[in-house]
Amino acid sequence: MKWGSVFIAAIFEVGWVMGLKYAHSLLEWSATIVCIIVSFYLLIKATSVLPVGTLYAVFTGLGTAGTVTLGMVLGEPVQLVKVLLIMMLLCGVLGLKLTTGEKKGEAES
């Protein structure tokens, strides 16, 4: 469940990063701030039971991949090299996750 909260935190990270670029009204800025708070709250909670180095790499990797992908969906140029590099980044993140052993009790959290 804690890795699930890291994934959700990464989704909120994408929200606040995109909000920094596209927010213009008070409501949009408020949503951006909520995304920042939720993202970091979930990240901080996960650090209590998951290895910090791997956790942060997974969080930032997923956030980066999500931000670049959403940027391309919203009109930024789609380049084959960019897509291949994002795929390589996600493979690295997945590899880190798979090679990080869980301590007893982590899987229950």
PDB file of N, CA and C in Angstrom:
ATOM      1  N   MET A   1       0.819  -1.198   0.000  1.00  0.00           N
ATOM      2  CA  MET A   1       0.000   0.000   0.000  1.00  0.00           C
ATOM      3  C   MET A   1       0.863   1.264   0.000  1.00  0.00           C
ATOM      4  N   LYS A   2       2.032   1.208   0.651  1.00  0.00           N
ATOM      5  CA  LYS A   2       2.877   2.403   0.690  1.00  0.00           C
ATOM      6  C   LYS A   2       3.395   2.751  -0.694  1.00  0.00           C
ATOM      7  N   TRP A   3       3.710   1.740  -1.526  1.00  0.00           N
ATOM      8  CA  TRP A   3       4.141   2.056  -2.894  1.00  0.00           C
ATOM      9  C   TRP A   3       2.988   2.667  -3.674  1.00  0.00           C
ATOM     10  N   GLY A   4       1.773   2.258  -3.350  1.00  0.00           N
ATOM     11  CA  GLY A   4       0.603   2.869  -3.980  1.00  0.00           C
ATOM     12  C   GLY A   4       0.485   4.340  -3.616  1.00  0.00           C
ATOM     13  N   SER A   5       0.816   4.673  -2.363  1.00  0.00           N
ATOM     14  CA  SER A   5       0.761   6.083  -1.966  1.00  0.00           C
ATOM     15  C   SER A   5       1.858   6.883  -2.661  1.00  0.00           C
ATOM     16  N   VAL A   6       2.994   6.248  -2.964  1.00  0.00           N
ATOM     17  CA  VAL A   6       4.055   6.928  -3.723  1.00  0.00           C
ATOM     18  C   VAL A   6       3.558   7.219  -5.143  1.00  0.00           C
ATOM     19  N   PHE A   7       2.863   6.264  -5.741  1.00  0.00           N
ATOM     20  CA  PHE A   7       2.307   6.449  -7.079  1.00  0.00           C
ATOM     21  C   PHE A   7       1.290   7.598  -7.080  1.00  0.00           C
ATOM     22  N   ILE A   8       0.429   7.628  -6.075  1.00  0.00           N
ATOM     23  CA  ILE A   8      -0.560   8.705  -5.971  1.00  0.00           C
ATOM     24  C   ILE A   8       0.142  10.047  -5.744  1.00  0.00           C
ATOM     25  N   ALA A   9       1.187  10.041  -4.917  1.00  0.00           N
ATOM     26  CA  ALA A   9       1.957  11.273  -4.685  1.00  0.00           C
ATOM     27  C   ALA A   9       2.563  11.779  -5.988  1.00  0.00           C
ATOM     28  N   ALA A  10       3.033  10.857  -6.829  1.00  0.00           N
ATOM     29  CA  ALA A  10       3.613  11.249  -8.124  1.00  0.00           C
ATOM     30  C   ALA A  10       2.548  11.860  -9.042  1.00  0.00           C
ATOM     31  N   ILE A  11       1.335  11.341  -8.975  1.00  0.00           N
ATOM     32  CA  ILE A  11       0.244  11.922  -9.768  1.00  0.00           C
ATOM     33  C   ILE A  11      -0.023  13.358  -9.313  1.00  0.00           C
ATOM     34  N   PHE A  12      -0.040  13.564  -7.997  1.00  0.00           N
ATOM     35  CA  PHE A  12      -0.236  14.924  -7.492  1.00  0.00           C
ATOM     36  C   PHE A  12       0.959  15.811  -7.821  1.00  0.00           C
ATOM     37  N   GLU A  13       2.158  15.216  -7.904  1.00  0.00           N
ATOM     38  CA  GLU A  13       3.319  16.001  -8.319  1.00  0.00           C
ATOM     39  C   GLU A  13       3.133  16.525  -9.740  1.00  0.00           C
ATOM     40  N   VAL A  14       2.648  15.669 -10.617  1.00  0.00           N
ATOM     41  CA  VAL A  14       2.369  16.097 -11.989  1.00  0.00           C
ATOM     42  C   VAL A  14       1.359  17.245 -11.961  1.00  0.00           C
ATOM     43  N   GLY A  15       0.353  17.127 -11.104  1.00  0.00           N
ATOM     44  CA  GLY A  15      -0.665  18.172 -10.993  1.00  0.00           C
ATOM     45  C   GLY A  15      -0.079  19.511 -10.586  1.00  0.00           C
ATOM     46  N   TRP A  16       0.799  19.503  -9.572  1.00  0.00           N
ATOM     47  CA  TRP A  16       1.316  20.807  -9.142  1.00  0.00           C
ATOM     48  C   TRP A  16       2.356  21.364 -10.096  1.00  0.00           C
ATOM     49  N   VAL A  17       3.131  20.489 -10.740  1.00  0.00           N
ATOM     50  CA  VAL A  17       4.108  20.995 -11.720  1.00  0.00           C
ATOM     51  C   VAL A  17       3.376  21.634 -12.904  1.00  0.00           C
ATOM     52  N   MET A  18       2.347  20.965 -13.394  1.00  0.00           N
ATOM     53  CA  MET A  18       1.580  21.534 -14.500  1.00  0.00           C
ATOM     54  C   MET A  18       0.830  22.791 -14.039  1.00  0.00           C
ATOM     55  N   GLY A  19       0.395  22.791 -12.782  1.00  0.00           N
ATOM     56  CA  GLY A  19      -0.268  23.962 -12.237  1.00  0.00           C
ATOM     57  C   GLY A  19       0.647  25.179 -12.209  1.00  0.00           C
ATOM     58  N   LEU A  20       1.925  24.952 -11.920  1.00  0.00           N
ATOM     59  CA  LEU A  20       2.866  26.078 -11.925  1.00  0.00           C
ATOM     60  C   LEU A  20       2.964  26.719 -13.302  1.00  0.00           C
ATOM     61  N   LYS A  21       2.749  25.918 -14.343  1.00  0.00           N
ATOM     62  CA  LYS A  21       2.841  26.460 -15.701  1.00  0.00           C
ATOM     63  C   LYS A  21       1.513  27.073 -16.169  1.00  0.00           C
ATOM     64  N   TYR A  22       0.411  26.403 -15.846  1.00  0.00           N
ATOM     65  CA  TYR A  22      -0.866  26.776 -16.451  1.00  0.00           C
ATOM     66  C   TYR A  22      -1.838  27.511 -15.531  1.00  0.00           C
ATOM     67  N   ALA A  23      -1.573  27.614 -14.239  1.00  0.00           N
ATOM     68  CA  ALA A  23      -2.522  28.260 -13.325  1.00  0.00           C
ATOM     69  C   ALA A  23      -2.554  29.771 -13.553  1.00  0.00           C
ATOM     70  N   HIS A  24      -3.768  30.302 -13.660  1.00  0.00           N
ATOM     71  CA  HIS A  24      -3.934  31.746 -13.859  1.00  0.00           C
ATOM     72  C   HIS A  24      -4.945  32.344 -12.882  1.00  0.00           C
ATOM     73  N   SER A  25      -5.893  31.550 -12.429  1.00  0.00           N
ATOM     74  CA  SER A  25      -6.918  32.079 -11.527  1.00  0.00           C
ATOM     75  C   SER A  25      -6.629  31.633 -10.088  1.00  0.00           C
ATOM     76  N   LEU A  26      -7.331  32.234  -9.163  1.00  0.00           N
ATOM     77  CA  LEU A  26      -7.183  31.879  -7.750  1.00  0.00           C
ATOM     78  C   LEU A  26      -7.531  30.406  -7.520  1.00  0.00           C
ATOM     79  N   LEU A  27      -8.577  29.934  -8.183  1.00  0.00           N
ATOM     80  CA  LEU A  27      -8.978  28.540  -8.038  1.00  0.00           C
ATOM     81  C   LEU A  27      -7.888  27.589  -8.547  1.00  0.00           C
ATOM     82  N   GLU A  28      -7.303  27.917  -9.680  1.00  0.00           N
ATOM     83  CA  GLU A  28      -6.234  27.074 -10.234  1.00  0.00           C
ATOM     84  C   GLU A  28      -5.001  27.086  -9.345  1.00  0.00           C
ATOM     85  N   TRP A  29      -4.646  28.253  -8.801  1.00  0.00           N
ATOM     86  CA  TRP A  29      -3.511  28.328  -7.877  1.00  0.00           C
ATOM     87  C   TRP A  29      -3.815  27.581  -6.591  1.00  0.00           C
ATOM     88  N   SER A  30      -5.053  27.634  -6.139  1.00  0.00           N
ATOM     89  CA  SER A  30      -5.445  26.890  -4.938  1.00  0.00           C
ATOM     90  C   SER A  30      -5.317  25.392  -5.171  1.00  0.00           C
ATOM     91  N   ALA A  31      -5.749  24.927  -6.335  1.00  0.00           N
ATOM     92  CA  ALA A  31      -5.612  23.506  -6.670  1.00  0.00           C
ATOM     93  C   ALA A  31      -4.144  23.107  -6.747  1.00  0.00           C
ATOM     94  N   THR A  32      -3.309  23.979  -7.274  1.00  0.00           N
ATOM     95  CA  THR A  32      -1.875  23.710  -7.343  1.00  0.00           C
ATOM     96  C   THR A  32      -1.288  23.559  -5.943  1.00  0.00           C
ATOM     97  N   ILE A  33      -1.674  24.427  -5.037  1.00  0.00           N
ATOM     98  CA  ILE A  33      -1.180  24.361  -3.658  1.00  0.00           C
ATOM     99  C   ILE A  33      -1.660  23.085  -2.974  1.00  0.00           C
ATOM    100  N   VAL A  34      -2.912  22.705  -3.202  1.00  0.00           N
ATOM    101  CA  VAL A  34      -3.431  21.454  -2.638  1.00  0.00           C
ATOM    102  C   VAL A  34      -2.630  20.272  -3.177  1.00  0.00           C
ATOM    103  N   CYS A  35      -2.318  20.290  -4.456  1.00  0.00           N
ATOM    104  CA  CYS A  35      -1.517  19.207  -5.044  1.00  0.00           C
ATOM    105  C   CYS A  35      -0.129  19.128  -4.405  1.00  0.00           C
ATOM    106  N   ILE A  36       0.482  20.274  -4.137  1.00  0.00           N
ATOM    107  CA  ILE A  36       1.794  20.289  -3.472  1.00  0.00           C
ATOM    108  C   ILE A  36       1.686  19.656  -2.087  1.00  0.00           C
ATOM    109  N   ILE A  37       0.686  20.069  -1.330  1.00  0.00           N
ATOM    110  CA  ILE A  37       0.516  19.567   0.039  1.00  0.00           C
ATOM    111  C   ILE A  37       0.264  18.066   0.042  1.00  0.00           C
ATOM    112  N   VAL A  38      -0.658  17.599  -0.793  1.00  0.00           N
ATOM    113  CA  VAL A  38      -0.978  16.164  -0.844  1.00  0.00           C
ATOM    114  C   VAL A  38       0.240  15.361  -1.300  1.00  0.00           C
ATOM    115  N   SER A  39       0.911  15.837  -2.325  1.00  0.00           N
ATOM    116  CA  SER A  39       2.072  15.133  -2.855  1.00  0.00           C
ATOM    117  C   SER A  39       3.143  14.937  -1.786  1.00  0.00           C
ATOM    118  N   PHE A  40       3.501  16.001  -1.114  1.00  0.00           N
ATOM    119  CA  PHE A  40       4.562  15.897  -0.107  1.00  0.00           C
ATOM    120  C   PHE A  40       4.098  15.188   1.159  1.00  0.00           C
ATOM    121  N   TYR A  41       2.834  15.308   1.510  1.00  0.00           N
ATOM    122  CA  TYR A  41       2.317  14.565   2.663  1.00  0.00           C
ATOM    123  C   TYR A  41       2.454  13.061   2.428  1.00  0.00           C
ATOM    124  N   LEU A  42       1.999  12.599   1.259  1.00  0.00           N
ATOM    125  CA  LEU A  42       2.085  11.177   0.952  1.00  0.00           C
ATOM    126  C   LEU A  42       3.538  10.719   0.868  1.00  0.00           C
ATOM    127  N   LEU A  43       4.396  11.547   0.308  1.00  0.00           N
ATOM    128  CA  LEU A  43       5.816  11.206   0.209  1.00  0.00           C
ATOM    129  C   LEU A  43       6.439  11.089   1.595  1.00  0.00           C
ATOM    130  N   ILE A  44       6.153  12.030   2.465  1.00  0.00           N
ATOM    131  CA  ILE A  44       6.712  12.006   3.821  1.00  0.00           C
ATOM    132  C   ILE A  44       6.208  10.790   4.598  1.00  0.00           C
ATOM    133  N   LYS A  45       4.925  10.486   4.472  1.00  0.00           N
ATOM    134  CA  LYS A  45       4.379   9.307   5.160  1.00  0.00           C
ATOM    135  C   LYS A  45       5.053   8.021   4.675  1.00  0.00           C
ATOM    136  N   ALA A  46       5.318   7.929   3.388  1.00  0.00           N
ATOM    137  CA  ALA A  46       5.937   6.718   2.836  1.00  0.00           C
ATOM    138  C   ALA A  46       7.379   6.554   3.300  1.00  0.00           C
ATOM    139  N   THR A  47       8.063   7.660   3.610  1.00  0.00           N
ATOM    140  CA  THR A  47       9.464   7.548   4.042  1.00  0.00           C
ATOM    141  C   THR A  47       9.607   6.851   5.386  1.00  0.00           C
ATOM    142  N   SER A  48       8.525   6.738   6.127  1.00  0.00           N
ATOM    143  CA  SER A  48       8.612   6.080   7.432  1.00  0.00           C
ATOM    144  C   SER A  48       8.763   4.567   7.302  1.00  0.00           C
ATOM    145  N   VAL A  49       8.407   4.004   6.144  1.00  0.00           N
ATOM    146  CA  VAL A  49       8.482   2.541   6.007  1.00  0.00           C
ATOM    147  C   VAL A  49       9.227   2.066   4.766  1.00  0.00           C
ATOM    148  N   LEU A  50       9.561   2.960   3.861  1.00  0.00           N
ATOM    149  CA  LEU A  50      10.234   2.549   2.622  1.00  0.00           C
ATOM    150  C   LEU A  50      11.639   3.138   2.574  1.00  0.00           C
ATOM    151  N   PRO A  51      12.562   2.478   1.854  1.00  0.00           N
ATOM    152  CA  PRO A  51      13.918   3.011   1.716  1.00  0.00           C
ATOM    153  C   PRO A  51      13.905   4.355   0.987  1.00  0.00           C
ATOM    154  N   VAL A  52      14.479   5.355   1.610  1.00  0.00           N
ATOM    155  CA  VAL A  52      14.365   6.732   1.130  1.00  0.00           C
ATOM    156  C   VAL A  52      14.955   6.913  -0.265  1.00  0.00           C
ATOM    157  N   GLY A  53      16.124   6.348  -0.529  1.00  0.00           N
ATOM    158  CA  GLY A  53      16.759   6.532  -1.839  1.00  0.00           C
ATOM    159  C   GLY A  53      15.911   5.995  -2.968  1.00  0.00           C
ATOM    160  N   THR A  54      15.440   4.780  -2.811  1.00  0.00           N
ATOM    161  CA  THR A  54      14.600   4.170  -3.844  1.00  0.00           C
ATOM    162  C   THR A  54      13.269   4.898  -3.940  1.00  0.00           C
ATOM    163  N   LEU A  55      12.703   5.239  -2.809  1.00  0.00           N
ATOM    164  CA  LEU A  55      11.431   5.953  -2.773  1.00  0.00           C
ATOM    165  C   LEU A  55      11.516   7.255  -3.556  1.00  0.00           C
ATOM    166  N   TYR A  56      12.548   8.035  -3.301  1.00  0.00           N
ATOM    167  CA  TYR A  56      12.678   9.325  -3.964  1.00  0.00           C
ATOM    168  C   TYR A  56      12.926   9.151  -5.462  1.00  0.00           C
ATOM    169  N   ALA A  57      13.731   8.156  -5.828  1.00  0.00           N
ATOM    170  CA  ALA A  57      13.984   7.900  -7.252  1.00  0.00           C
ATOM    171  C   ALA A  57      12.695   7.509  -7.970  1.00  0.00           C
ATOM    172  N   VAL A  58      11.894   6.661  -7.344  1.00  0.00           N
ATOM    173  CA  VAL A  58      10.620   6.250  -7.943  1.00  0.00           C
ATOM    174  C   VAL A  58       9.684   7.448  -8.043  1.00  0.00           C
ATOM    175  N   PHE A  59       9.580   8.220  -6.976  1.00  0.00           N
ATOM    176  CA  PHE A  59       8.699   9.394  -6.945  1.00  0.00           C
ATOM    177  C   PHE A  59       9.071  10.397  -8.038  1.00  0.00           C
ATOM    178  N   THR A  60      10.334  10.763  -8.110  1.00  0.00           N
ATOM    179  CA  THR A  60      10.733  11.765  -9.101  1.00  0.00           C
ATOM    180  C   THR A  60      10.692  11.207 -10.521  1.00  0.00           C
ATOM    181  N   GLY A  61      11.021   9.929 -10.669  1.00  0.00           N
ATOM    182  CA  GLY A  61      10.957   9.313 -12.000  1.00  0.00           C
ATOM    183  C   GLY A  61       9.540   9.276 -12.540  1.00  0.00           C
ATOM    184  N   LEU A  62       8.607   8.840 -11.699  1.00  0.00           N
ATOM    185  CA  LEU A  62       7.207   8.815 -12.129  1.00  0.00           C
ATOM    186  C   LEU A  62       6.676  10.228 -12.373  1.00  0.00           C
ATOM    187  N   GLY A  63       7.057  11.155 -11.508  1.00  0.00           N
ATOM    188  CA  GLY A  63       6.623  12.547 -11.690  1.00  0.00           C
ATOM    189  C   GLY A  63       7.159  13.144 -12.981  1.00  0.00           C
ATOM    190  N   THR A  64       8.427  12.870 -13.256  1.00  0.00           N
ATOM    191  CA  THR A  64       9.032  13.376 -14.495  1.00  0.00           C
ATOM    192  C   THR A  64       8.365  12.779 -15.719  1.00  0.00           C
ATOM    193  N   ALA A  65       8.201  11.466 -15.708  1.00  0.00           N
ATOM    194  CA  ALA A  65       7.564  10.795 -16.845  1.00  0.00           C
ATOM    195  C   ALA A  65       6.137  11.307 -17.048  1.00  0.00           C
ATOM    196  N   GLY A  66       5.401  11.450 -15.959  1.00  0.00           N
ATOM    197  CA  GLY A  66       4.031  11.941 -16.058  1.00  0.00           C
ATOM    198  C   GLY A  66       3.954  13.371 -16.565  1.00  0.00           C
ATOM    199  N   THR A  67       4.861  14.213 -16.088  1.00  0.00           N
ATOM    200  CA  THR A  67       4.865  15.609 -16.507  1.00  0.00           C
ATOM    201  C   THR A  67       5.209  15.747 -17.985  1.00  0.00           C
ATOM    202  N   VAL A  68       6.223  15.019 -18.430  1.00  0.00           N
ATOM    203  CA  VAL A  68       6.609  15.085 -19.846  1.00  0.00           C
ATOM    204  C   VAL A  68       5.486  14.527 -20.724  1.00  0.00           C
ATOM    205  N   THR A  69       4.896  13.422 -20.298  1.00  0.00           N
ATOM    206  CA  THR A  69       3.809  12.814 -21.081  1.00  0.00           C
ATOM    207  C   THR A  69       2.611  13.752 -21.166  1.00  0.00           C
ATOM    208  N   LEU A  70       2.206  14.323 -20.037  1.00  0.00           N
ATOM    209  CA  LEU A  70       1.069  15.246 -20.051  1.00  0.00           C
ATOM    210  C   LEU A  70       1.394  16.484 -20.868  1.00  0.00           C
ATOM    211  N   GLY A  71       2.623  16.946 -20.798  1.00  0.00           N
ATOM    212  CA  GLY A  71       3.038  18.089 -21.613  1.00  0.00           C
ATOM    213  C   GLY A  71       2.877  17.800 -23.098  1.00  0.00           C
ATOM    214  N   MET A  72       3.250  16.580 -23.506  1.00  0.00           N
ATOM    215  CA  MET A  72       3.092  16.210 -24.916  1.00  0.00           C
ATOM    216  C   MET A  72       1.615  16.120 -25.284  1.00  0.00           C
ATOM    217  N   VAL A  73       0.788  15.620 -24.369  1.00  0.00           N
ATOM    218  CA  VAL A  73      -0.654  15.549 -24.630  1.00  0.00           C
ATOM    219  C   VAL A  73      -1.243  16.952 -24.779  1.00  0.00           C
ATOM    220  N   LEU A  74      -0.699  17.907 -24.030  1.00  0.00           N
ATOM    221  CA  LEU A  74      -1.213  19.278 -24.062  1.00  0.00           C
ATOM    222  C   LEU A  74      -0.580  20.158 -25.133  1.00  0.00           C
ATOM    223  N   GLY A  75       0.214  19.565 -26.013  1.00  0.00           N
ATOM    224  CA  GLY A  75       0.689  20.330 -27.155  1.00  0.00           C
ATOM    225  C   GLY A  75       2.180  20.534 -27.284  1.00  0.00           C
ATOM    226  N   GLU A  76       2.967  20.101 -26.308  1.00  0.00           N
ATOM    227  CA  GLU A  76       4.412  20.218 -26.464  1.00  0.00           C
ATOM    228  C   GLU A  76       4.859  19.235 -27.545  1.00  0.00           C
ATOM    229  N   PRO A  77       5.974  19.514 -28.206  1.00  0.00           N
ATOM    230  CA  PRO A  77       6.407  18.658 -29.311  1.00  0.00           C
ATOM    231  C   PRO A  77       6.663  17.207 -28.864  1.00  0.00           C
ATOM    232  N   VAL A  78       6.185  16.274 -29.666  1.00  0.00           N
ATOM    233  CA  VAL A  78       6.428  14.848 -29.418  1.00  0.00           C
ATOM    234  C   VAL A  78       7.622  14.444 -30.271  1.00  0.00           C
ATOM    235  N   GLN A  79       8.664  13.982 -29.599  1.00  0.00           N
ATOM    236  CA  GLN A  79       9.863  13.555 -30.303  1.00  0.00           C
ATOM    237  C   GLN A  79      10.168  12.121 -29.907  1.00  0.00           C
ATOM    238  N   LEU A  80      10.593  11.326 -30.874  1.00  0.00           N
ATOM    239  CA  LEU A  80      10.898   9.918 -30.620  1.00  0.00           C
ATOM    240  C   LEU A  80      11.956   9.791 -29.534  1.00  0.00           C
ATOM    241  N   VAL A  81      12.977  10.616 -29.579  1.00  0.00           N
ATOM    242  CA  VAL A  81      14.048  10.548 -28.581  1.00  0.00           C
ATOM    243  C   VAL A  81      13.484  10.794 -27.184  1.00  0.00           C
ATOM    244  N   LYS A  82      12.590  11.758 -27.057  1.00  0.00           N
ATOM    245  CA  LYS A  82      11.982  12.075 -25.766  1.00  0.00           C
ATOM    246  C   LYS A  82      11.189  10.875 -25.242  1.00  0.00           C
ATOM    247  N   VAL A  83      10.415  10.247 -26.121  1.00  0.00           N
ATOM    248  CA  VAL A  83       9.618   9.082 -25.729  1.00  0.00           C
ATOM    249  C   VAL A  83      10.535   7.936 -25.307  1.00  0.00           C
ATOM    250  N   LEU A  84      11.605   7.691 -26.056  1.00  0.00           N
ATOM    251  CA  LEU A  84      12.541   6.616 -25.716  1.00  0.00           C
ATOM    252  C   LEU A  84      13.235   6.882 -24.381  1.00  0.00           C
ATOM    253  N   LEU A  85      13.604   8.125 -24.132  1.00  0.00           N
ATOM    254  CA  LEU A  85      14.257   8.455 -22.866  1.00  0.00           C
ATOM    255  C   LEU A  85      13.307   8.304 -21.679  1.00  0.00           C
ATOM    256  N   ILE A  86      12.060   8.658 -21.852  1.00  0.00           N
ATOM    257  CA  ILE A  86      11.069   8.463 -20.784  1.00  0.00           C
ATOM    258  C   ILE A  86      10.885   6.970 -20.521  1.00  0.00           C
ATOM    259  N   MET A  87      10.850   6.174 -21.578  1.00  0.00           N
ATOM    260  CA  MET A  87      10.733   4.720 -21.403  1.00  0.00           C
ATOM    261  C   MET A  87      11.949   4.172 -20.658  1.00  0.00           C
ATOM    262  N   MET A  88      13.141   4.673 -20.983  1.00  0.00           N
ATOM    263  CA  MET A  88      14.350   4.243 -20.294  1.00  0.00           C
ATOM    264  C   MET A  88      14.291   4.653 -18.812  1.00  0.00           C
ATOM    265  N   LEU A  89      13.810   5.856 -18.543  1.00  0.00           N
ATOM    266  CA  LEU A  89      13.661   6.325 -17.170  1.00  0.00           C
ATOM    267  C   LEU A  89      12.724   5.417 -16.389  1.00  0.00           C
ATOM    268  N   LEU A  90      11.587   5.076 -16.986  1.00  0.00           N
ATOM    269  CA  LEU A  90      10.627   4.202 -16.311  1.00  0.00           C
ATOM    270  C   LEU A  90      11.191   2.805 -16.085  1.00  0.00           C
ATOM    271  N   CYS A  91      12.006   2.309 -17.017  1.00  0.00           N
ATOM    272  CA  CYS A  91      12.659   1.007 -16.823  1.00  0.00           C
ATOM    273  C   CYS A  91      13.621   1.069 -15.638  1.00  0.00           C
ATOM    274  N   GLY A  92      14.351   2.168 -15.516  1.00  0.00           N
ATOM    275  CA  GLY A  92      15.249   2.335 -14.380  1.00  0.00           C
ATOM    276  C   GLY A  92      14.504   2.400 -13.060  1.00  0.00           C
ATOM    277  N   VAL A  93      13.393   3.135 -13.039  1.00  0.00           N
ATOM    278  CA  VAL A  93      12.576   3.239 -11.835  1.00  0.00           C
ATOM    279  C   VAL A  93      12.019   1.868 -11.458  1.00  0.00           C
ATOM    280  N   LEU A  94      11.506   1.153 -12.434  1.00  0.00           N
ATOM    281  CA  LEU A  94      10.975  -0.182 -12.181  1.00  0.00           C
ATOM    282  C   LEU A  94      12.076  -1.115 -11.673  1.00  0.00           C
ATOM    283  N   GLY A  95      13.247  -1.024 -12.276  1.00  0.00           N
ATOM    284  CA  GLY A  95      14.372  -1.841 -11.837  1.00  0.00           C
ATOM    285  C   GLY A  95      14.750  -1.552 -10.393  1.00  0.00           C
ATOM    286  N   LEU A  96      14.791  -0.281 -10.020  1.00  0.00           N
ATOM    287  CA  LEU A  96      15.086   0.069  -8.630  1.00  0.00           C
ATOM    288  C   LEU A  96      14.043  -0.513  -7.683  1.00  0.00           C
ATOM    289  N   LYS A  97      12.795  -0.391  -8.060  1.00  0.00           N
ATOM    290  CA  LYS A  97      11.711  -0.902  -7.216  1.00  0.00           C
ATOM    291  C   LYS A  97      11.831  -2.411  -7.058  1.00  0.00           C
ATOM    292  N   LEU A  98      12.117  -3.112  -8.147  1.00  0.00           N
ATOM    293  CA  LEU A  98      12.180  -4.575  -8.096  1.00  0.00           C
ATOM    294  C   LEU A  98      13.398  -5.091  -7.338  1.00  0.00           C
ATOM    295  N   THR A  99      14.478  -4.333  -7.338  1.00  0.00           N
ATOM    296  CA  THR A  99      15.685  -4.809  -6.667  1.00  0.00           C
ATOM    297  C   THR A  99      15.802  -4.339  -5.223  1.00  0.00           C
ATOM    298  N   THR A 100      14.865  -3.528  -4.773  1.00  0.00           N
ATOM    299  CA  THR A 100      14.881  -3.078  -3.381  1.00  0.00           C
ATOM    300  C   THR A 100      14.058  -4.035  -2.555  1.00  0.00           C
ATOM    301  N   GLY A 101      14.731  -4.727  -1.650  1.00  0.00           N
ATOM    302  CA  GLY A 101      14.023  -5.674  -0.786  1.00  0.00           C
ATOM    303  C   GLY A 101      13.230  -4.953   0.276  1.00  0.00           C
ATOM    304  N   GLU A 102      12.098  -5.535   0.629  1.00  0.00           N
ATOM    305  CA  GLU A 102      11.271  -4.962   1.683  1.00  0.00           C
ATOM    306  C   GLU A 102      11.675  -5.568   3.016  1.00  0.00           C
ATOM    307  N   LYS A 103      11.707  -4.729   4.061  1.00  0.00           N
ATOM    308  CA  LYS A 103      11.964  -5.229   5.386  1.00  0.00           C
ATOM    309  C   LYS A 103      10.693  -5.889   5.909  1.00  0.00           C
ATOM    310  N   LYS A 104      10.866  -6.752   6.885  1.00  0.00           N
ATOM    311  CA  LYS A 104       9.707  -7.424   7.474  1.00  0.00           C
ATOM    312  C   LYS A 104       8.735  -6.374   8.011  1.00  0.00           C
ATOM    313  N   GLY A 105       7.482  -6.490   7.630  1.00  0.00           N
ATOM    314  CA  GLY A 105       6.455  -5.559   8.100  1.00  0.00           C
ATOM    315  C   GLY A 105       6.142  -4.462   7.089  1.00  0.00           C
ATOM    316  N   GLU A 106       7.000  -4.232   6.097  1.00  0.00           N
ATOM    317  CA  GLU A 106       6.737  -3.181   5.108  1.00  0.00           C
ATOM    318  C   GLU A 106       5.558  -3.516   4.240  1.00  0.00           C
ATOM    319  N   ALA A 107       5.455  -4.780   3.830  1.00  0.00           N
ATOM    320  CA  ALA A 107       4.394  -5.164   2.905  1.00  0.00           C
ATOM    321  C   ALA A 107       3.016  -5.010   3.552  1.00  0.00           C
ATOM    322  N   GLU A 108       2.955  -5.063   4.882  1.00  0.00           N
ATOM    323  CA  GLU A 108       1.676  -4.958   5.574  1.00  0.00           C
ATOM    324  C   GLU A 108       1.206  -3.516   5.686  1.00  0.00           C
ATOM    325  N   SER A 109       2.116  -2.563   5.552  1.00  0.00           N
ATOM    326  CA  SER A 109       1.761  -1.152   5.745  1.00  0.00           C
ATOM    327  C   SER A 109       1.008  -0.593   4.593  1.00  0.00           C
TER     328      SER A 109
END
